Amino acid sequence: MKKIKQFVMESYGELKKVVWPGRESVKASVKVVIISTLMFAVFFGLVDFMLSQGLIGLFSTL
């Protein structure tokens, strides 16, 4: 039990040292994640569409 209490106290002490990001920093990071996710989704969607159309065209002529 003593080790558990020591672990909790040390963990709490380490959390006090953390520099938490501000609201504006979090907003900017969220924007970057959302925009990059949408860009990758569109890119991979277009690649998937082009490959599927290519395969449909290839196999429909056989």
Protein backbone atom coordinates (compact mmCIF):
# COMPACT_ATOMS: atom_id res chain seq x y z
CA MET A 1 0.00 0.00 0.00
CA LYS A 2 2.92 2.29 0.76
CA LYS A 3 4.30 1.88 -2.77
CA ILE A 4 0.92 2.69 -4.31
CA LYS A 5 0.67 5.89 -2.28
CA GLN A 6 4.23 6.84 -3.26
CA PHE A 7 3.44 6.17 -6.94
CA VAL A 8 0.32 8.37 -6.81
CA MET A 9 2.17 11.20 -5.08
CA GLU A 10 5.06 11.06 -7.57
CA SER A 11 2.64 10.97 -10.50
CA TYR A 12 0.80 13.99 -9.15
CA GLY A 13 4.14 15.81 -8.75
CA GLU A 14 5.10 15.03 -12.35
CA LEU A 15 1.74 16.31 -13.62
CA LYS A 16 2.45 19.65 -11.92
CA LYS A 17 5.56 19.98 -14.11
CA VAL A 18 3.65 19.57 -17.37
CA VAL A 19 3.28 22.68 -19.50
CA TRP A 20 -0.26 22.43 -20.84
CA PRO A 21 -1.02 24.06 -24.21
CA GLY A 22 -3.23 27.11 -24.32
CA ARG A 23 -6.62 27.34 -25.98
CA GLU A 24 -5.26 29.01 -29.13
CA SER A 25 -2.56 26.39 -29.54
CA VAL A 26 -5.12 23.59 -29.23
CA LYS A 27 -7.42 25.29 -31.75
CA ALA A 28 -4.58 25.63 -34.25
CA SER A 29 -3.58 21.99 -33.81
CA VAL A 30 -7.17 20.81 -34.27
CA LYS A 31 -7.46 22.84 -37.48
CA VAL A 32 -4.28 21.29 -38.85
CA VAL A 33 -5.48 17.78 -38.02
CA ILE A 34 -8.92 18.30 -39.56
CA ILE A 35 -7.58 19.89 -42.75
CA SER A 36 -4.87 17.28 -43.25
CA THR A 37 -7.36 14.46 -42.60
CA LEU A 38 -9.74 15.88 -45.20
CA MET A 39 -6.90 16.29 -47.72
CA PHE A 40 -5.78 12.69 -47.26
CA ALA A 41 -9.37 11.45 -47.48
CA VAL A 42 -9.94 13.27 -50.77
CA PHE A 43 -6.60 12.09 -52.16
CA PHE A 44 -7.14 8.45 -51.27
CA GLY A 45 -10.74 8.63 -52.44
CA LEU A 46 -9.60 9.87 -55.85
CA VAL A 47 -6.88 7.21 -56.07
CA ASP A 48 -9.40 4.51 -55.13
CA PHE A 49 -11.89 5.80 -57.70
CA MET A 50 -9.28 5.93 -60.47
CA LEU A 51 -7.96 2.45 -59.70
CA SER A 52 -11.45 0.95 -59.53
CA GLN A 53 -12.44 2.58 -62.82
CA GLY A 54 -9.23 1.33 -64.38
CA LEU A 55 -9.89 -2.21 -63.23
CA ILE A 56 -13.50 -2.07 -64.36
CA GLY A 57 -12.34 -0.85 -67.77
CA LEU A 58 -9.65 -3.53 -67.94
CA PHE A 59 -11.91 -6.43 -67.00
CA SER A 60 -14.97 -5.27 -68.97
CA THR A 61 -13.02 -5.61 -72.23
CA LEU A 62 -12.12 -9.23 -71.53
